[in-house]
All heavy atoms as atom14 arrays in JSON, in Angstrom:
{
  "sequence": "TRVTVLGHVQRGGIPTPADRILASRFGMAAIDAVTEHRDD",
  "atom14_mask": [
    [1, 1, 1, 1, 1, 1, 1, 0, 0, 0, 0, 0, 0, 0],
    [1, 1, 1, 1, 1, 1, 1, 1, 1, 1, 1, 0, 0, 0],
    [1, 1, 1, 1, 1, 1, 1, 0, 0, 0, 0, 0, 0, 0],
    [1, 1, 1, 1, 1, 1, 1, 0, 0, 0, 0, 0, 0, 0],
    [1, 1, 1, 1, 1, 1, 1, 0, 0, 0, 0, 0, 0, 0],
    [1, 1, 1, 1, 1, 1, 1, 1, 0, 0, 0, 0, 0, 0],
    [1, 1, 1, 1, 0, 0, 0, 0, 0, 0, 0, 0, 0, 0],
    [1, 1, 1, 1, 1, 1, 1, 1, 1, 1, 0, 0, 0, 0],
    [1, 1, 1, 1, 1, 1, 1, 0, 0, 0, 0, 0, 0, 0],
    [1, 1, 1, 1, 1, 1, 1, 1, 1, 0, 0, 0, 0, 0],
    [1, 1, 1, 1, 1, 1, 1, 1, 1, 1, 1, 0, 0, 0],
    [1, 1, 1, 1, 0, 0, 0, 0, 0, 0, 0, 0, 0, 0],
    [1, 1, 1, 1, 0, 0, 0, 0, 0, 0, 0, 0, 0, 0],
    [1, 1, 1, 1, 1, 1, 1, 1, 0, 0, 0, 0, 0, 0],
    [1, 1, 1, 1, 1, 1, 1, 0, 0, 0, 0, 0, 0, 0],
    [1, 1, 1, 1, 1, 1, 1, 0, 0, 0, 0, 0, 0, 0],
    [1, 1, 1, 1, 1, 1, 1, 0, 0, 0, 0, 0, 0, 0],
    [1, 1, 1, 1, 1, 0, 0, 0, 0, 0, 0, 0, 0, 0],
    [1, 1, 1, 1, 1, 1, 1, 1, 0, 0, 0, 0, 0, 0],
    [1, 1, 1, 1, 1, 1, 1, 1, 1, 1, 1, 0, 0, 0],
    [1, 1, 1, 1, 1, 1, 1, 1, 0, 0, 0, 0, 0, 0],
    [1, 1, 1, 1, 1, 1, 1, 1, 0, 0, 0, 0, 0, 0],
    [1, 1, 1, 1, 1, 0, 0, 0, 0, 0, 0, 0, 0, 0],
    [1, 1, 1, 1, 1, 1, 0, 0, 0, 0, 0, 0, 0, 0],
    [1, 1, 1, 1, 1, 1, 1, 1, 1, 1, 1, 0, 0, 0],
    [1, 1, 1, 1, 1, 1, 1, 1, 1, 1, 1, 0, 0, 0],
    [1, 1, 1, 1, 0, 0, 0, 0, 0, 0, 0, 0, 0, 0],
    [1, 1, 1, 1, 1, 1, 1, 1, 0, 0, 0, 0, 0, 0],
    [1, 1, 1, 1, 1, 0, 0, 0, 0, 0, 0, 0, 0, 0],
    [1, 1, 1, 1, 1, 0, 0, 0, 0, 0, 0, 0, 0, 0],
    [1, 1, 1, 1, 1, 1, 1, 1, 0, 0, 0, 0, 0, 0],
    [1, 1, 1, 1, 1, 1, 1, 1, 0, 0, 0, 0, 0, 0],
    [1, 1, 1, 1, 1, 0, 0, 0, 0, 0, 0, 0, 0, 0],
    [1, 1, 1, 1, 1, 1, 1, 0, 0, 0, 0, 0, 0, 0],
    [1, 1, 1, 1, 1, 1, 1, 0, 0, 0, 0, 0, 0, 0],
    [1, 1, 1, 1, 1, 1, 1, 1, 1, 0, 0, 0, 0, 0],
    [1, 1, 1, 1, 1, 1, 1, 1, 1, 1, 0, 0, 0, 0],
    [1, 1, 1, 1, 1, 1, 1, 1, 1, 1, 1, 0, 0, 0],
    [1, 1, 1, 1, 1, 1, 1, 1, 0, 0, 0, 0, 0, 0],
    [1, 1, 1, 1, 1, 1, 1, 1, 0, 0, 0, 0, 0, 0]
  ],
  "atom14_positions": [
    [[3.16, -2.25, -35.84], [3.44, -2.06, -34.44], [2.28, -1.32, -33.82], [1.88, -0.19, -34.31], [4.76, -1.16, -34.36], [5.77, -1.82, -34.97], [5.12, -1.07, -32.86], [0.0, 0.0, 0.0], [0.0, 0.0, 0.0], [0.0, 0.0, 0.0], [0.0, 0.0, 0.0], [0.0, 0.0, 0.0], [0.0, 0.0, 0.0], [0.0, 0.0, 0.0]],
    [[1.87, -1.68, -32.66], [0.8, -1.07, -31.91], [1.27, -0.82, -30.52], [2.1, -1.44, -29.94], [-0.44, -1.95, -31.92], [-0.89, -2.4, -33.31], [-1.43, -1.26, -34.13], [-1.81, -1.59, -35.51], [-3.03, -2.1, -35.79], [-3.94, -2.16, -34.88], [-3.21, -2.44, -37.1], [0.0, 0.0, 0.0], [0.0, 0.0, 0.0], [0.0, 0.0, 0.0]],
    [[0.52, 0.22, -29.8], [0.87, 0.55, -28.4], [-0.27, 0.46, -27.56], [-1.44, 0.89, -27.95], [1.54, 1.93, -28.32], [0.64, 2.99, -28.81], [2.09, 2.18, -26.89], [0.0, 0.0, 0.0], [0.0, 0.0, 0.0], [0.0, 0.0, 0.0], [0.0, 0.0, 0.0], [0.0, 0.0, 0.0], [0.0, 0.0, 0.0], [0.0, 0.0, 0.0]],
    [[-0.14, -0.1, -26.33], [-1.23, -0.12, -25.28], [-0.69, 0.63, -24.18], [0.29, 0.27, -23.63], [-1.58, -1.51, -24.95], [-2.23, -2.21, -26.05], [-2.6, -1.52, -23.87], [0.0, 0.0, 0.0], [0.0, 0.0, 0.0], [0.0, 0.0, 0.0], [0.0, 0.0, 0.0], [0.0, 0.0, 0.0], [0.0, 0.0, 0.0], [0.0, 0.0, 0.0]],
    [[-1.42, 1.61, -23.72], [-0.97, 2.37, -22.56], [-1.92, 1.94, -21.35], [-3.02, 2.23, -21.32], [-1.06, 3.89, -22.8], [-0.61, 4.67, -21.57], [-0.28, 4.41, -23.94], [0.0, 0.0, 0.0], [0.0, 0.0, 0.0], [0.0, 0.0, 0.0], [0.0, 0.0, 0.0], [0.0, 0.0, 0.0], [0.0, 0.0, 0.0], [0.0, 0.0, 0.0]],
    [[-1.31, 1.41, -20.29], [-2.1, 0.91, -19.14], [-2.57, 2.04, -18.3], [-3.69, 2.07, -17.75], [-1.37, -0.14, -18.28], [-0.95, -1.45, -19.11], [-0.35, -2.3, -18.1], [-2.28, -2.0, -19.76], [0.0, 0.0, 0.0], [0.0, 0.0, 0.0], [0.0, 0.0, 0.0], [0.0, 0.0, 0.0], [0.0, 0.0, 0.0], [0.0, 0.0, 0.0]],
    [[-1.76, 3.06, -18.15], [-2.19, 4.29, -17.43], [-2.65, 3.95, -16.04], [-2.09, 3.17, -15.25], [0.0, 0.0, 0.0], [0.0, 0.0, 0.0], [0.0, 0.0, 0.0], [0.0, 0.0, 0.0], [0.0, 0.0, 0.0], [0.0, 0.0, 0.0], [0.0, 0.0, 0.0], [0.0, 0.0, 0.0], [0.0, 0.0, 0.0], [0.0, 0.0, 0.0]],
    [[-3.75, 4.61, -15.73], [-4.41, 4.59, -14.35], [-5.03, 3.3, -14.07], [-5.38, 3.03, -12.86], [-5.32, 5.79, -14.12], [-4.76, 7.1, -14.03], [-4.41, 7.85, -15.22], [-4.17, 7.72, -13.05], [-3.77, 8.9, -14.8], [-3.53, 8.89, -13.58], [0.0, 0.0, 0.0], [0.0, 0.0, 0.0], [0.0, 0.0, 0.0], [0.0, 0.0, 0.0]],
    [[-5.22, 2.37, -15.0], [-5.73, 1.03, -14.75], [-4.8, 0.32, -13.75], [-5.23, -0.57, -12.89], [-5.67, 0.13, -16.03], [-5.96, -1.25, -15.76], [-6.76, 0.81, -16.99], [0.0, 0.0, 0.0], [0.0, 0.0, 0.0], [0.0, 0.0, 0.0], [0.0, 0.0, 0.0], [0.0, 0.0, 0.0], [0.0, 0.0, 0.0], [0.0, 0.0, 0.0]],
    [[-3.46, 0.66, -13.7], [-2.59, 0.04, -12.76], [-2.81, 0.45, -11.43], [-2.41, -0.25, -10.42], [-1.09, 0.45, -13.14], [-0.62, 0.0, -14.52], [0.52, 0.82, -15.08], [1.64, 0.47, -14.92], [0.21, 1.92, -15.71], [0.0, 0.0, 0.0], [0.0, 0.0, 0.0], [0.0, 0.0, 0.0], [0.0, 0.0, 0.0], [0.0, 0.0, 0.0]],
    [[-3.5, 1.57, -11.13], [-3.68, 2.03, -9.74], [-4.95, 1.53, -9.23], [-5.29, 1.62, -7.97], [-3.86, 3.61, -9.75], [-2.54, 4.39, -10.13], [-2.77, 5.83, -9.96], [-1.56, 6.51, -10.13], [-0.59, 6.73, -9.31], [-0.5, 5.99, -8.18], [0.47, 7.43, -9.66], [0.0, 0.0, 0.0], [0.0, 0.0, 0.0], [0.0, 0.0, 0.0]],
    [[-6.02, 1.0, -10.06], [-7.31, 0.94, -9.57], [-7.66, -0.48, -9.18], [-6.88, -1.46, -9.4], [0.0, 0.0, 0.0], [0.0, 0.0, 0.0], [0.0, 0.0, 0.0], [0.0, 0.0, 0.0], [0.0, 0.0, 0.0], [0.0, 0.0, 0.0], [0.0, 0.0, 0.0], [0.0, 0.0, 0.0], [0.0, 0.0, 0.0], [0.0, 0.0, 0.0]],
    [[-8.82, -0.64, -8.69], [-9.41, -1.96, -8.41], [-9.03, -2.56, -7.06], [-8.45, -1.99, -6.24], [0.0, 0.0, 0.0], [0.0, 0.0, 0.0], [0.0, 0.0, 0.0], [0.0, 0.0, 0.0], [0.0, 0.0, 0.0], [0.0, 0.0, 0.0], [0.0, 0.0, 0.0], [0.0, 0.0, 0.0], [0.0, 0.0, 0.0], [0.0, 0.0, 0.0]],
    [[-9.28, -3.89, -6.98], [-9.15, -4.61, -5.74], [-7.61, -4.88, -5.39], [-6.93, -5.28, -6.2], [-9.87, -5.92, -5.84], [-11.34, -5.59, -6.0], [-9.64, -6.73, -4.61], [-12.17, -6.9, -6.33], [0.0, 0.0, 0.0], [0.0, 0.0, 0.0], [0.0, 0.0, 0.0], [0.0, 0.0, 0.0], [0.0, 0.0, 0.0], [0.0, 0.0, 0.0]],
    [[-7.09, -4.56, -4.23], [-5.73, -4.9, -3.86], [-5.57, -6.34, -3.72], [-6.41, -7.12, -3.31], [-5.56, -4.19, -2.56], [-6.94, -4.08, -1.88], [-7.84, -3.88, -3.1], [0.0, 0.0, 0.0], [0.0, 0.0, 0.0], [0.0, 0.0, 0.0], [0.0, 0.0, 0.0], [0.0, 0.0, 0.0], [0.0, 0.0, 0.0], [0.0, 0.0, 0.0]],
    [[-4.43, -6.75, -4.16], [-4.04, -8.21, -3.94], [-3.89, -8.6, -2.5], [-3.71, -7.68, -1.6], [-2.7, -8.52, -4.6], [-1.63, -7.68, -4.12], [-2.71, -8.23, -6.19], [0.0, 0.0, 0.0], [0.0, 0.0, 0.0], [0.0, 0.0, 0.0], [0.0, 0.0, 0.0], [0.0, 0.0, 0.0], [0.0, 0.0, 0.0], [0.0, 0.0, 0.0]],
    [[-3.97, -9.82, -2.09], [-3.69, -10.21, -0.78], [-2.38, -9.7, -0.29], [-2.41, -9.29, 1.03], [-3.71, -11.74, -0.8], [-4.62, -12.15, -2.01], [-4.39, -10.93, -3.01], [0.0, 0.0, 0.0], [0.0, 0.0, 0.0], [0.0, 0.0, 0.0], [0.0, 0.0, 0.0], [0.0, 0.0, 0.0], [0.0, 0.0, 0.0], [0.0, 0.0, 0.0]],
    [[-1.37, -9.74, -1.04], [-0.01, -9.34, -0.63], [-0.06, -7.74, -0.17], [0.46, -7.34, 0.81], [1.05, -9.51, -1.68], [0.0, 0.0, 0.0], [0.0, 0.0, 0.0], [0.0, 0.0, 0.0], [0.0, 0.0, 0.0], [0.0, 0.0, 0.0], [0.0, 0.0, 0.0], [0.0, 0.0, 0.0], [0.0, 0.0, 0.0], [0.0, 0.0, 0.0]],
    [[-0.75, -6.99, -1.0], [-0.86, -5.51, -0.6], [-1.76, -5.32, 0.52], [-1.45, -4.46, 1.45], [-1.39, -4.73, -1.82], [-0.29, -4.17, -2.71], [0.71, -3.94, -2.22], [-0.6, -4.11, -3.88], [0.0, 0.0, 0.0], [0.0, 0.0, 0.0], [0.0, 0.0, 0.0], [0.0, 0.0, 0.0], [0.0, 0.0, 0.0], [0.0, 0.0, 0.0]],
    [[-2.87, -6.13, 0.71], [-3.61, -5.97, 1.96], [-2.87, -6.36, 3.25], [-3.08, -5.69, 4.27], [-4.94, -6.95, 1.9], [-5.78, -6.62, 0.69], [-6.98, -7.58, 0.71], [-7.58, -7.72, -0.56], [-8.69, -8.37, -0.87], [-9.35, -8.9, 0.19], [-9.09, -8.49, -2.1], [0.0, 0.0, 0.0], [0.0, 0.0, 0.0], [0.0, 0.0, 0.0]],
    [[-1.96, -7.38, 3.16], [-1.29, -7.82, 4.29], [-0.19, -6.83, 4.57], [0.02, -6.34, 5.68], [-0.67, -9.18, 4.05], [-1.77, -10.26, 3.96], [0.37, -9.58, 5.12], [-1.29, -11.53, 3.42], [0.0, 0.0, 0.0], [0.0, 0.0, 0.0], [0.0, 0.0, 0.0], [0.0, 0.0, 0.0], [0.0, 0.0, 0.0], [0.0, 0.0, 0.0]],
    [[0.55, -6.25, 3.52], [1.69, -5.33, 3.79], [1.06, -4.07, 4.3], [1.58, -3.44, 5.28], [2.32, -5.03, 2.53], [3.56, -4.01, 2.55], [4.54, -4.52, 3.44], [4.04, -3.72, 1.14], [0.0, 0.0, 0.0], [0.0, 0.0, 0.0], [0.0, 0.0, 0.0], [0.0, 0.0, 0.0], [0.0, 0.0, 0.0], [0.0, 0.0, 0.0]],
    [[-0.1, -3.6, 3.83], [-0.7, -2.35, 4.39], [-1.16, -2.5, 5.82], [-1.0, -1.58, 6.62], [-1.99, -2.03, 3.48], [0.0, 0.0, 0.0], [0.0, 0.0, 0.0], [0.0, 0.0, 0.0], [0.0, 0.0, 0.0], [0.0, 0.0, 0.0], [0.0, 0.0, 0.0], [0.0, 0.0, 0.0], [0.0, 0.0, 0.0], [0.0, 0.0, 0.0]],
    [[-1.71, -3.72, 6.14], [-2.09, -3.89, 7.5], [-0.95, -3.94, 8.44], [-1.01, -3.35, 9.51], [-2.83, -5.3, 7.63], [-4.03, -5.27, 6.81], [0.0, 0.0, 0.0], [0.0, 0.0, 0.0], [0.0, 0.0, 0.0], [0.0, 0.0, 0.0], [0.0, 0.0, 0.0], [0.0, 0.0, 0.0], [0.0, 0.0, 0.0], [0.0, 0.0, 0.0]],
    [[0.23, -4.52, 7.99], [1.47, -4.62, 8.91], [1.94, -3.24, 9.09], [2.32, -2.77, 10.2], [2.44, -5.5, 8.15], [2.05, -6.98, 8.25], [3.08, -7.82, 7.53], [4.24, -7.97, 8.37], [5.51, -8.48, 8.05], [5.59, -8.93, 6.83], [6.46, -8.55, 8.84], [0.0, 0.0, 0.0], [0.0, 0.0, 0.0], [0.0, 0.0, 0.0]],
    [[2.02, -2.47, 7.96], [2.53, -1.1, 8.13], [1.58, -0.23, 8.97], [2.07, 0.62, 9.74], [2.63, -0.47, 6.77], [3.88, -0.81, 5.91], [4.04, -0.41, 4.58], [4.85, -1.56, 6.48], [5.12, -0.72, 3.93], [5.98, -1.98, 5.81], [6.21, -1.52, 4.49], [0.0, 0.0, 0.0], [0.0, 0.0, 0.0], [0.0, 0.0, 0.0]],
    [[0.28, -0.28, 8.89], [-0.55, 0.43, 9.63], [-0.47, 0.21, 11.15], [-0.43, 1.08, 11.98], [0.0, 0.0, 0.0], [0.0, 0.0, 0.0], [0.0, 0.0, 0.0], [0.0, 0.0, 0.0], [0.0, 0.0, 0.0], [0.0, 0.0, 0.0], [0.0, 0.0, 0.0], [0.0, 0.0, 0.0], [0.0, 0.0, 0.0], [0.0, 0.0, 0.0]],
    [[-0.39, -1.12, 11.54], [-0.16, -1.44, 12.93], [1.17, -1.03, 13.35], [1.32, -0.45, 14.51], [-0.27, -2.96, 12.97], [-1.6, -3.47, 13.05], [-1.78, -5.32, 13.58], [-0.89, -5.3, 15.15], [0.0, 0.0, 0.0], [0.0, 0.0, 0.0], [0.0, 0.0, 0.0], [0.0, 0.0, 0.0], [0.0, 0.0, 0.0], [0.0, 0.0, 0.0]],
    [[2.28, -1.15, 12.62], [3.57, -0.65, 12.98], [3.6, 0.86, 13.27], [4.25, 1.31, 14.21], [4.68, -1.12, 12.03], [0.0, 0.0, 0.0], [0.0, 0.0, 0.0], [0.0, 0.0, 0.0], [0.0, 0.0, 0.0], [0.0, 0.0, 0.0], [0.0, 0.0, 0.0], [0.0, 0.0, 0.0], [0.0, 0.0, 0.0], [0.0, 0.0, 0.0]],
    [[2.89, 1.58, 12.37], [2.89, 3.03, 12.53], [2.11, 3.55, 13.75], [2.7, 4.37, 14.53], [2.21, 3.66, 11.24], [0.0, 0.0, 0.0], [0.0, 0.0, 0.0], [0.0, 0.0, 0.0], [0.0, 0.0, 0.0], [0.0, 0.0, 0.0], [0.0, 0.0, 0.0], [0.0, 0.0, 0.0], [0.0, 0.0, 0.0], [0.0, 0.0, 0.0]],
    [[1.06, 2.98, 14.06], [0.29, 3.36, 15.2], [0.97, 2.85, 16.55], [0.9, 3.65, 17.53], [-1.17, 2.91, 15.14], [-2.05, 3.73, 16.28], [-1.31, 1.52, 15.44], [-2.14, 5.29, 15.97], [0.0, 0.0, 0.0], [0.0, 0.0, 0.0], [0.0, 0.0, 0.0], [0.0, 0.0, 0.0], [0.0, 0.0, 0.0], [0.0, 0.0, 0.0]],
    [[1.66, 1.82, 16.5], [2.48, 1.36, 17.57], [3.6, 2.34, 17.74], [3.99, 2.64, 18.99], [2.99, -0.12, 17.47], [1.84, -1.11, 17.58], [0.76, -0.7, 18.04], [2.19, -2.29, 17.23], [0.0, 0.0, 0.0], [0.0, 0.0, 0.0], [0.0, 0.0, 0.0], [0.0, 0.0, 0.0], [0.0, 0.0, 0.0], [0.0, 0.0, 0.0]],
    [[4.28, 2.71, 16.73], [5.41, 3.69, 16.85], [5.0, 5.06, 17.51], [5.66, 5.66, 18.24], [6.06, 3.92, 15.5], [0.0, 0.0, 0.0], [0.0, 0.0, 0.0], [0.0, 0.0, 0.0], [0.0, 0.0, 0.0], [0.0, 0.0, 0.0], [0.0, 0.0, 0.0], [0.0, 0.0, 0.0], [0.0, 0.0, 0.0], [0.0, 0.0, 0.0]],
    [[3.84, 5.49, 17.03], [3.22, 6.78, 17.63], [3.01, 6.6, 19.14], [3.36, 7.52, 19.89], [1.89, 7.14, 16.81], [1.16, 8.21, 17.62], [2.19, 7.59, 15.44], [0.0, 0.0, 0.0], [0.0, 0.0, 0.0], [0.0, 0.0, 0.0], [0.0, 0.0, 0.0], [0.0, 0.0, 0.0], [0.0, 0.0, 0.0], [0.0, 0.0, 0.0]],
    [[2.48, 5.5, 19.44], [2.14, 5.21, 20.85], [3.45, 5.16, 21.79], [3.53, 5.67, 22.84], [1.36, 3.86, 20.99], [0.24, 3.89, 20.25], [1.07, 3.63, 22.52], [0.0, 0.0, 0.0], [0.0, 0.0, 0.0], [0.0, 0.0, 0.0], [0.0, 0.0, 0.0], [0.0, 0.0, 0.0], [0.0, 0.0, 0.0], [0.0, 0.0, 0.0]],
    [[4.54, 4.59, 21.14], [5.8, 4.51, 21.87], [6.63, 5.83, 21.73], [7.83, 5.82, 22.1], [6.58, 3.31, 21.28], [5.83, 2.02, 21.64], [6.39, 0.91, 20.7], [7.33, 1.08, 19.94], [5.74, -0.24, 20.72], [0.0, 0.0, 0.0], [0.0, 0.0, 0.0], [0.0, 0.0, 0.0], [0.0, 0.0, 0.0], [0.0, 0.0, 0.0]],
    [[6.08, 6.86, 20.99], [6.75, 8.12, 20.75], [8.04, 7.92, 20.02], [9.0, 8.52, 20.26], [7.02, 8.74, 22.17], [5.79, 9.15, 23.02], [4.97, 10.12, 22.58], [5.31, 8.49, 24.15], [4.03, 10.17, 23.48], [4.17, 9.14, 24.37], [0.0, 0.0, 0.0], [0.0, 0.0, 0.0], [0.0, 0.0, 0.0], [0.0, 0.0, 0.0]],
    [[8.12, 7.04, 19.06], [9.04, 6.87, 18.11], [8.79, 7.69, 16.85], [8.13, 7.23, 15.97], [9.27, 5.37, 17.7], [9.63, 4.45, 19.06], [9.73, 3.01, 18.53], [10.99, 2.9, 17.91], [11.39, 1.65, 17.44], [10.62, 0.54, 17.64], [12.48, 1.46, 16.83], [0.0, 0.0, 0.0], [0.0, 0.0, 0.0], [0.0, 0.0, 0.0]],
    [[9.36, 8.91, 16.96], [8.94, 9.92, 15.89], [9.85, 10.01, 14.77], [11.02, 9.66, 14.81], [8.71, 11.27, 16.63], [7.88, 11.24, 17.86], [6.85, 10.39, 17.85], [8.09, 11.99, 18.88], [0.0, 0.0, 0.0], [0.0, 0.0, 0.0], [0.0, 0.0, 0.0], [0.0, 0.0, 0.0], [0.0, 0.0, 0.0], [0.0, 0.0, 0.0]],
    [[9.35, 10.59, 13.72], [10.17, 11.13, 12.55], [10.77, 9.87, 11.93], [11.96, 9.71, 11.57], [11.12, 12.02, 12.85], [10.54, 13.27, 13.57], [9.31, 13.49, 13.43], [11.29, 13.93, 14.3], [0.0, 0.0, 0.0], [0.0, 0.0, 0.0], [0.0, 0.0, 0.0], [0.0, 0.0, 0.0], [0.0, 0.0, 0.0], [0.0, 0.0, 0.0]]
  ]
}
């Protein structure tokens, strides 16, 4: 029996297209909310 610990490898590197798209959508929605004074 052997063990492999992925650790911080899971955090690093190039984001997938899905994460780039989700991040872009969230960023736009957040700044639009600030502009519209939709707080908290």
